[in-house]
Protein backbone atom coordinates (compact mmCIF):
# COMPACT_ATOMS: atom_id res chain seq x y z
CA MET A 1 68.76 127.70 105.33
CA PRO A 2 66.45 125.44 103.29
CA GLU A 3 63.28 124.07 104.81
CA VAL A 4 61.97 120.58 104.04
CA ASN A 5 58.43 119.40 104.68
CA VAL A 6 58.28 115.76 105.75
CA THR A 7 55.45 113.51 106.84
CA ILE A 8 55.99 111.03 109.64
CA GLY A 9 53.14 108.85 110.78
CA SER A 10 50.50 111.02 109.06
CA ARG A 11 51.90 114.19 110.70
CA SER A 12 53.64 116.90 108.70
CA PHE A 13 56.75 118.66 109.96
CA ALA A 14 58.71 121.58 108.53
CA LEU A 15 62.41 121.02 109.18
CA ALA A 16 65.38 123.26 108.46
CA CYS A 17 68.65 121.81 107.22
CA ASN A 18 71.93 122.89 105.68
CA GLU A 19 72.13 123.59 101.97
CA GLY A 20 72.45 120.34 100.02
CA GLU A 21 71.27 118.10 102.88
CA GLU A 22 67.63 118.08 101.76
CA PRO A 23 67.76 114.64 100.06
CA HIS A 24 69.47 113.12 103.10
CA LEU A 25 66.89 114.59 105.47
CA GLU A 26 64.01 113.41 103.26
CA ALA A 27 65.47 109.88 103.11
CA ALA A 28 65.91 109.80 106.90
CA ALA A 29 62.33 111.03 107.37
CA LYS A 30 61.06 108.26 105.07
CA LEU A 31 62.82 105.67 107.23
CA LEU A 32 61.33 107.12 110.40
CA SER A 33 57.90 107.33 108.76
CA ALA A 34 58.07 103.69 107.70
CA GLU A 35 58.80 102.69 111.30
CA ALA A 36 55.95 104.91 112.52
CA ASP A 37 53.56 103.32 110.00
CA THR A 38 54.61 99.84 111.14
CA LEU A 39 54.14 100.86 114.76
CA GLN A 40 50.69 102.32 114.12
CA ALA A 41 49.65 99.19 112.22
CA GLN A 42 50.73 96.98 115.13
CA ILE A 43 49.60 99.08 118.09
CA GLY A 44 47.02 101.45 116.69
CA ARG A 45 46.78 105.14 117.42
CA VAL A 46 49.50 106.43 119.76
CA THR A 47 50.51 109.91 120.81
CA GLU A 48 52.93 111.78 118.60
CA ALA A 49 55.69 111.77 121.23
CA ARG A 50 55.33 108.03 121.87
CA MET A 51 55.20 107.28 118.14
CA LEU A 52 58.38 109.27 117.48
CA LEU A 53 60.15 107.76 120.49
CA MET A 54 59.29 104.17 119.61
CA SER A 55 60.01 104.68 115.90
CA GLY A 56 63.37 106.20 116.76
CA LEU A 57 64.17 103.29 119.06
CA MET A 58 63.22 100.79 116.36
CA LEU A 59 65.57 102.54 113.91
CA ALA A 60 68.32 102.69 116.54
CA ASP A 61 67.92 98.94 117.06
CA LYS A 62 68.30 98.33 113.32
CA ILE A 63 71.37 100.56 113.23
CA LYS A 64 72.93 98.62 116.12
CA GLU A 65 72.32 95.33 114.30
CA LEU A 66 73.97 96.74 111.18
CA GLU A 67 76.94 97.94 113.24
CA TRP A 68 77.38 94.46 114.71
CA GLU A 69 77.13 92.89 111.26
CA ALA A 70 79.63 95.42 109.89
CA ARG A 71 82.04 94.71 112.76
CA ALA A 72 81.74 90.95 112.18
CA ALA A 73 82.29 91.44 108.44
CA SER A 74 85.31 93.64 109.13
CA GLU A 75 86.81 91.01 111.43
CA ARG A 76 86.20 88.35 108.77
CA VAL A 77 87.92 90.53 106.16
CA LYS A 78 90.95 90.94 108.47
CA GLU A 79 91.02 87.17 109.01
CA LEU A 80 90.88 86.52 105.26
CA GLU A 81 93.56 89.14 104.61
CA GLY A 82 95.79 87.33 107.11
CA GLN A 83 95.15 84.03 105.35
CA LEU A 84 95.93 85.68 102.01
CA ARG A 85 99.24 87.07 103.31
CA ALA A 86 100.17 83.64 104.70
CA ALA A 87 99.31 82.02 101.35
CA GLU A 88 101.41 84.61 99.51
CA VAL A 89 104.38 83.88 101.79
CA ARG A 90 103.96 80.12 101.20
CA ASN A 91 103.67 80.74 97.47
CA ALA A 92 106.85 82.81 97.40
CA ALA A 93 108.72 80.17 99.41
CA LEU A 94 107.56 77.41 97.08
CA ALA A 95 108.42 79.44 93.99
CA SER A 96 111.94 80.18 95.22
CA ALA A 97 112.49 76.56 96.27
CA ALA A 98 111.21 75.06 93.00
CA PRO A 99 113.95 74.07 90.57
CA LYS A 100 114.05 76.00 87.33
CA ALA A 101 112.76 74.08 84.33
CA PHE A 102 115.96 74.87 82.44
CA PRO A 103 118.79 75.72 84.82
CA ASN A 104 120.87 77.12 81.95
CA GLU A 105 118.02 78.60 79.96
CA ASP A 106 120.17 81.46 78.62
CA VAL A 107 122.85 79.06 77.38
CA LEU A 108 120.24 76.86 75.72
CA MET A 109 118.63 79.86 74.03
CA ARG A 110 121.96 81.05 72.63
CA SER A 111 122.73 77.53 71.37
CA TYR A 112 119.33 77.40 69.70
CA GLU A 113 119.90 80.80 68.05
CA ASP A 114 123.37 79.70 66.90
CA ALA A 115 121.91 76.52 65.41
CA VAL A 116 119.24 78.50 63.55
CA LEU A 117 121.89 80.82 62.10
CA ARG A 118 124.05 77.86 61.03
CA LEU A 119 121.05 76.18 59.34
CA GLU A 120 120.26 79.41 57.48
CA GLU A 121 123.89 79.62 56.31
CA LEU A 122 123.75 76.02 55.09
CA ALA A 123 120.47 76.69 53.29
CA ASP A 124 122.08 79.68 51.54
CA GLU A 125 125.08 77.55 50.49
CA ILE A 126 122.78 74.86 49.08
CA GLU A 127 120.84 77.44 47.09
CA ARG A 128 124.04 78.86 45.61
CA ALA A 129 125.35 75.43 44.64
């Protein structure tokens, strides 16, 4: 099991972790250390236990705030998805109710193609004459 040395609030700790988790543990330790440094700058020297407790609580508070923000964002996404579905339903209803630009588009296209063929035939006759 790998061992990682981390420094939190000017104290070094040797911590064991599972293989591959070293970067995650180091990143978490940096977060805790940043909170400990902030705490020491505001309060001054505190005992190791108190520093770790208060730093952990400060991180837990930040995590809770992020959870609330994530929940609010998730609810907003659901609300917007509902609005999108309603708009899609309205769009589909409007599209099906809208009259077609050319009700007999296929008939018109065939007539156009027939006219083009007839004009080409006439052009050939004129060239031969």
